Protein backbone atom coordinates (compact mmCIF):
# COMPACT_ATOMS: atom_id res chain seq x y z
CA MET A 1 0.00 0.00 0.00
CA HIS A 2 2.84 2.37 0.85
CA ARG A 3 4.44 1.69 -2.53
CA THR A 4 1.19 2.47 -4.37
CA LYS A 5 0.97 5.90 -2.68
CA LEU A 6 4.60 6.61 -3.58
CA VAL A 7 4.05 5.68 -7.25
CA ARG A 8 0.85 7.72 -7.35
CA GLY A 9 2.66 10.71 -5.80
CA LEU A 10 5.50 10.50 -8.32
CA PHE A 11 2.99 10.28 -11.18
CA VAL A 12 1.14 13.38 -9.98
CA ALA A 13 4.42 15.28 -9.59
CA ALA A 14 5.59 14.26 -13.08
CA LEU A 15 2.24 15.29 -14.56
CA ALA A 16 2.41 18.69 -12.86
CA VAL A 17 5.93 19.29 -14.15
CA SER A 18 4.97 18.29 -17.70
CA MET A 19 2.00 20.66 -17.63
CA LEU A 20 4.21 23.55 -16.50
CA ALA A 21 6.98 22.92 -19.02
CA PRO A 22 5.27 24.55 -22.05
CA THR A 23 4.33 27.58 -19.95
CA THR A 24 7.89 27.97 -18.72
CA ALA A 25 9.31 27.71 -22.24
CA TYR A 26 6.86 30.31 -23.52
CA ALA A 27 7.54 32.68 -20.62
CA ALA A 28 11.25 32.71 -21.45
CA THR A 29 10.56 34.93 -24.49
CA ALA A 30 8.55 38.09 -23.90
CA ARG A 31 6.25 39.10 -26.73
CA ILE A 32 6.61 42.17 -28.94
CA TYR A 33 3.21 43.19 -30.28
CA VAL A 34 4.03 44.94 -33.55
CA ASN A 35 2.65 48.48 -33.75
CA LYS A 36 1.20 48.15 -30.22
CA GLY A 37 3.66 47.39 -27.40
CA VAL A 38 5.69 44.91 -25.38
CA LYS A 39 4.29 42.24 -23.05
CA SER A 40 1.01 43.80 -21.82
CA ALA A 41 2.33 47.40 -21.96
CA ARG A 42 0.94 49.47 -24.83
CA LEU A 43 1.71 52.69 -26.64
CA GLY A 44 -0.31 55.57 -25.18
CA MET A 45 -0.45 54.11 -21.64
CA TYR A 46 0.82 56.08 -18.68
CA ASP A 47 4.48 55.25 -18.20
CA THR A 48 4.14 54.02 -14.60
CA ALA A 49 1.38 51.56 -15.55
CA ALA A 50 3.31 50.37 -18.60
CA ALA A 51 6.50 49.93 -16.57
CA ARG A 52 4.67 47.76 -14.01
CA ARG A 53 3.52 45.48 -16.83
CA ILE A 54 7.06 45.01 -18.15
CA GLY A 55 9.06 44.39 -14.99
CA ARG A 56 11.64 45.94 -12.73
CA VAL A 57 12.91 49.38 -13.78
CA VAL A 58 16.66 49.55 -13.20
CA LEU A 59 17.06 53.23 -14.09
CA LYS A 60 14.70 56.13 -14.69
CA LYS A 61 15.81 59.50 -15.98
CA ARG A 62 14.58 62.68 -17.58
CA ASP A 63 16.10 63.50 -20.95
CA ARG A 64 15.89 67.09 -22.17
CA SER A 65 17.87 66.49 -25.36
CA TYR A 66 15.28 64.38 -27.20
CA ALA A 67 14.51 66.52 -30.26
CA GLY A 68 14.06 69.57 -28.01
CA ARG A 69 11.36 67.88 -25.94
CA VAL A 70 11.37 66.64 -22.38
CA VAL A 71 10.95 62.89 -22.23
CA TRP A 72 11.17 60.28 -19.52
CA VAL A 73 13.17 57.13 -20.10
CA ARG A 74 12.89 53.90 -18.12
CA TYR A 75 15.45 51.14 -18.59
CA PHE A 76 14.88 47.42 -18.01
CA GLY A 77 17.38 44.57 -17.73
CA THR A 78 21.14 44.69 -17.40
CA LYS A 79 23.35 47.09 -19.32
CA ARG A 80 25.56 45.42 -21.93
CA ASN A 81 27.68 47.22 -24.50
CA GLY A 82 26.14 50.52 -23.41
CA LYS A 83 22.53 49.40 -23.95
CA TYR A 84 19.78 48.02 -21.74
CA ALA A 85 17.56 45.13 -22.84
CA LEU A 86 14.50 47.40 -23.13
CA GLU A 87 13.92 51.14 -23.00
CA LEU A 88 10.53 52.80 -22.49
CA TYR A 89 10.09 56.44 -23.61
CA SER A 90 7.25 58.71 -22.49
CA ASN A 91 6.44 62.35 -23.21
CA LYS A 92 5.91 65.24 -20.79
CA SER A 93 2.32 64.04 -20.28
CA ARG A 94 3.84 60.69 -19.19
CA LYS A 95 2.26 58.79 -22.11
CA VAL A 96 4.39 56.05 -23.70
CA PHE A 97 5.42 56.79 -27.28
CA ALA A 98 8.21 54.23 -27.84
CA PHE A 99 9.67 50.93 -26.73
CA VAL A 100 13.24 50.20 -27.85
CA ILE A 101 14.26 46.54 -27.76
CA ASN A 102 18.02 45.88 -27.79
CA ARG A 103 18.18 42.16 -26.88
CA ASN A 104 16.89 38.86 -28.14
CA THR A 105 14.77 38.24 -25.02
CA TYR A 106 11.78 39.79 -26.83
CA ALA A 107 10.25 38.41 -30.05
CA THR A 108 7.32 39.14 -32.34
CA ALA A 109 4.57 36.58 -32.98
CA LYS A 110 6.44 35.62 -36.16
CA GLY A 111 9.62 34.95 -34.18
CA ILE A 112 11.61 38.02 -35.22
CA ARG A 113 13.96 39.30 -32.50
CA VAL A 114 17.27 41.10 -32.15
CA GLY A 115 19.74 38.72 -33.76
CA SER A 116 17.33 37.47 -36.45
CA SER A 117 18.62 37.58 -40.01
CA GLU A 118 17.46 40.16 -42.53
CA ALA A 119 16.26 37.26 -44.70
CA ALA A 120 14.09 35.92 -41.85
CA LEU A 121 12.63 39.42 -41.30
CA THR A 122 11.71 39.92 -44.95
CA ALA A 123 10.34 36.37 -45.20
CA ALA A 124 8.16 36.90 -42.12
CA TYR A 125 6.65 40.26 -43.10
CA GLY A 126 7.28 40.46 -46.87
CA THR A 127 5.49 43.29 -48.66
CA LEU A 128 4.17 44.75 -45.40
CA LEU A 129 7.68 46.15 -44.80
CA THR A 130 8.96 49.40 -46.26
CA ALA A 131 12.74 49.39 -46.67
CA ASN A 132 14.74 52.53 -45.89
CA PRO A 133 18.41 51.84 -46.65
CA GLY A 134 20.96 54.02 -44.91
CA PRO A 135 24.73 54.35 -44.64
CA VAL A 136 24.92 52.39 -41.35
CA TYR A 137 21.55 50.66 -40.90
CA ASN A 138 18.82 49.44 -43.16
CA ARG A 139 15.56 50.34 -41.45
CA TYR A 140 12.47 48.31 -42.22
CA VAL A 141 9.18 49.97 -41.25
CA LEU A 142 6.01 48.02 -40.50
CA GLY A 143 2.95 50.24 -40.05
CA GLY A 144 2.32 53.99 -40.17
CA ARG A 145 2.24 56.57 -37.37
CA SER A 146 2.01 53.67 -34.94
CA GLY A 147 4.55 51.22 -36.22
CA THR A 148 7.46 48.92 -35.65
CA ASP A 149 10.91 49.66 -37.01
CA PHE A 150 13.53 46.95 -37.47
CA TYR A 151 17.12 48.19 -37.68
CA VAL A 152 19.41 45.85 -39.64
CA ARG A 153 23.19 46.05 -39.79
CA GLY A 154 25.38 43.48 -41.50
CA GLY A 155 22.34 41.35 -42.36
CA VAL A 156 21.22 41.04 -38.71
CA VAL A 157 18.42 42.80 -36.77
CA THR A 158 20.20 44.90 -34.13
CA LYS A 159 17.30 46.91 -32.68
CA ILE A 160 13.50 46.90 -32.77
CA VAL A 161 11.46 50.03 -32.03
CA VAL A 162 7.71 49.97 -31.41
CA ARG A 163 6.66 53.60 -31.66
CA ARG A 164 3.96 56.18 -32.18
CA PHE A 165 4.79 59.57 -33.72
């Protein structure tokens, strides 16, 4: 009888772990919602509410040099090579107007992330993208005033910006 309870307990534990495994794998990559936001934070939200939906803010500062406007910037994640994993920008009214993604921990529904190839980007979004070649980066735009910009250098996506102008 004791052995039966032990086997039953191990079975229940294994079942619980197997049910959690897909959730854990999915949670490892945060979602970029093209033209809308990151995770459950959205463009146009108040910055404090949006920040709570993303995670722990490691640095917050006021930037007066942003095109002559006062903006607030919140940084998430660790700083590597001078950049944080995610940056949230809000205007003087504290409404979010941009998310800048600098790491591969965030991906779109089609699997595009920092580090994806230019070929994968164009295959995923095709004619929906507008290409803007430049001397350093090729910028691919998806959307209009609310849109998502993919910055490509050397055939690799190096930055993704979800923005509203």
